[in-house]
Amino acid sequence: MIRVAFCSQSGQYVDAHFASCPYLFIYEIGPQGSRQLEQISFSGTEQGEDDRVARRLQALRGCSFLYCGQIGGPAAARLVQNGIYPLKVEAHTTIAAAGDRLEKLLQTNPPPWLKKQMLREPVVARETYTDVGEDVMLKIP
């Protein structure tokens, strides 16, 4: 089982930009099925892009993948540095369809990029974002 996050404005579609998504839906997905673990909402009171990205990155602890409609280059790099791989999807892709596709990949012979994430042992490290002024626990590959 792997933890996967979806950026969404409603909970139905993967239709939000990572840095401004109002909701992250966290699922656990495996070859035998999937289940929603939590829904994380953001208040919109974050100050600046670094603050928005840092708060979302903190919420993604333990996730291996992030599905989103759009993501900026610097934010994508920060995710990858922390062992979370962003996956952009086409417009009108539902969370259910994206999850089903990943589940089917897990049932067959997963591609190398998926096997790598399934087998990695995350190491917990502490990183401080001085511009946010808070400690954030992150997964480092």
Protein backbone atom coordinates (compact mmCIF):
# COMPACT_ATOMS: atom_id res chain seq x y z
CA MET A 1 0.00 0.00 0.00
CA ILE A 2 1.20 3.49 -0.81
CA ARG A 3 -0.11 6.86 0.30
CA VAL A 4 -1.21 9.15 -2.50
CA ALA A 5 -2.50 12.72 -2.37
CA PHE A 6 -4.85 14.42 -4.82
CA CYS A 7 -5.19 18.21 -5.24
CA SER A 8 -8.84 19.06 -5.67
CA GLN A 9 -11.31 21.88 -5.41
CA SER A 10 -14.27 19.57 -4.73
CA GLY A 11 -13.11 16.05 -3.95
CA GLN A 12 -14.28 14.68 -7.27
CA TYR A 13 -11.69 15.89 -9.79
CA VAL A 14 -7.93 16.35 -9.75
CA ASP A 15 -8.41 19.95 -10.79
CA ALA A 16 -6.28 22.21 -8.61
CA HIS A 17 -2.88 23.83 -8.74
CA PHE A 18 -0.69 22.44 -5.94
CA ALA A 19 0.21 25.77 -4.30
CA SER A 20 -3.36 27.03 -4.27
CA CYS A 21 -5.45 23.88 -3.85
CA PRO A 22 -8.13 24.24 -1.20
CA TYR A 23 -8.12 20.50 -0.42
CA LEU A 24 -5.75 17.54 -0.38
CA PHE A 25 -7.41 14.14 -0.36
CA ILE A 26 -5.09 11.45 0.99
CA TYR A 27 -5.68 7.83 -0.06
CA GLU A 28 -3.99 4.54 0.61
CA ILE A 29 -3.80 2.57 -2.64
CA GLY A 30 -2.69 -1.01 -3.19
CA PRO A 31 -3.26 -3.88 -5.61
CA GLN A 32 -6.36 -4.98 -3.68
CA GLY A 33 -8.08 -1.60 -3.60
CA SER A 34 -7.98 1.86 -2.10
CA ARG A 35 -9.47 3.83 0.74
CA GLN A 36 -9.58 7.49 1.65
CA LEU A 37 -7.56 8.24 4.77
CA GLU A 38 -8.18 11.94 5.22
CA GLN A 39 -9.24 15.24 3.72
CA ILE A 40 -7.03 18.22 4.49
CA SER A 41 -8.38 21.70 3.91
CA PHE A 42 -6.42 24.94 3.71
CA SER A 43 -7.82 28.20 4.96
CA GLY A 44 -6.31 30.43 2.31
CA THR A 45 -4.68 32.62 4.95
CA GLU A 46 -1.17 31.58 3.92
CA GLN A 47 1.13 34.49 3.19
CA GLY A 48 2.97 34.09 -0.12
CA GLU A 49 3.83 31.09 -2.23
CA ASP A 50 6.58 29.76 0.07
CA ASP A 51 4.11 29.61 2.96
CA ARG A 52 1.47 27.86 0.82
CA VAL A 53 3.98 25.30 -0.47
CA ALA A 54 5.47 24.67 2.99
CA ARG A 55 2.05 24.03 4.55
CA ARG A 56 1.05 21.65 1.77
CA LEU A 57 4.41 19.89 1.91
CA GLN A 58 3.93 19.36 5.64
CA ALA A 59 0.48 17.88 5.00
CA LEU A 60 1.96 15.40 2.51
CA ARG A 61 4.13 13.59 5.09
CA GLY A 62 4.13 9.89 4.32
CA CYS A 63 2.82 10.28 0.77
CA SER A 64 4.70 8.85 -2.19
CA PHE A 65 2.81 10.61 -4.98
CA LEU A 66 0.86 13.80 -5.51
CA TYR A 67 -1.66 14.09 -8.34
CA CYS A 68 -2.41 17.66 -9.39
CA GLY A 69 -3.73 19.71 -12.26
CA GLN A 70 -0.72 22.05 -12.25
CA ILE A 71 2.44 22.63 -10.26
CA GLY A 72 5.28 25.12 -10.53
CA GLY A 73 8.85 23.99 -11.13
CA PRO A 74 10.28 25.07 -7.74
CA ALA A 75 7.41 23.41 -5.85
CA ALA A 76 7.83 20.20 -7.87
CA ALA A 77 11.55 20.20 -7.07
CA ARG A 78 10.82 20.55 -3.35
CA LEU A 79 8.44 17.62 -3.50
CA VAL A 80 10.95 15.41 -5.31
CA GLN A 81 13.68 16.39 -2.83
CA ASN A 82 11.39 15.07 -0.11
CA GLY A 83 10.56 11.79 -1.83
CA ILE A 84 7.12 12.80 -3.12
CA TYR A 85 6.68 12.56 -6.87
CA PRO A 86 4.21 14.97 -8.51
CA LEU A 87 2.04 13.65 -11.32
CA LYS A 88 0.13 16.12 -13.48
CA VAL A 89 -3.09 14.82 -14.98
CA GLU A 90 -5.29 15.95 -17.83
CA ALA A 91 -8.25 18.22 -17.19
CA HIS A 92 -11.45 16.48 -16.03
CA THR A 93 -9.59 13.48 -14.54
CA THR A 94 -11.50 12.20 -11.54
CA ILE A 95 -9.78 11.12 -8.34
CA ALA A 96 -11.45 7.72 -8.76
CA ALA A 97 -10.06 7.27 -12.29
CA ALA A 98 -6.53 8.29 -11.29
CA GLY A 99 -6.65 5.97 -8.27
CA ASP A 100 -8.01 3.08 -10.35
CA ARG A 101 -5.22 3.52 -12.90
CA LEU A 102 -2.58 3.43 -10.16
CA GLU A 103 -4.26 0.38 -8.59
CA LYS A 104 -4.13 -1.44 -11.94
CA LEU A 105 -0.42 -0.61 -12.29
CA LEU A 106 0.18 -2.11 -8.85
CA GLN A 107 -1.70 -5.30 -9.84
CA THR A 108 0.48 -5.93 -12.88
CA ASN A 109 4.20 -5.41 -13.33
CA PRO A 110 4.69 -1.87 -11.97
CA PRO A 111 7.00 0.41 -13.99
CA PRO A 112 10.42 1.20 -12.48
CA TRP A 113 9.39 4.64 -11.16
CA LEU A 114 6.54 3.04 -9.21
CA LYS A 115 8.64 0.12 -7.92
CA LYS A 116 11.23 2.58 -6.64
CA GLN A 117 8.63 4.43 -4.57
CA MET A 118 7.11 1.20 -3.28
CA LEU A 119 10.46 -0.13 -2.05
CA ARG A 120 12.01 2.99 -0.59
CA GLU A 121 12.49 3.33 3.14
CA PRO A 122 11.66 6.92 4.05
CA VAL A 123 13.89 8.66 6.54
CA VAL A 124 12.29 11.29 8.71
CA ALA A 125 14.27 14.51 8.90
CA ARG A 126 13.57 17.87 10.46
CA GLU A 127 13.77 20.92 8.27
CA THR A 128 13.02 24.45 9.38
CA TYR A 129 11.47 27.01 7.06
CA THR A 130 12.65 30.29 8.54
CA ASP A 131 10.35 32.30 6.30
CA VAL A 132 7.37 30.39 7.77
CA GLY A 133 8.81 30.21 11.28
CA GLU A 134 7.78 26.65 12.00
CA ASP A 135 9.35 23.21 12.04
CA VAL A 136 8.17 20.83 9.40
CA MET A 137 8.66 17.05 9.43
CA LEU A 138 9.55 15.81 5.94
CA LYS A 139 10.27 12.48 4.30
CA ILE A 140 13.71 12.45 2.69
CA PRO A 141 14.56 9.58 0.29
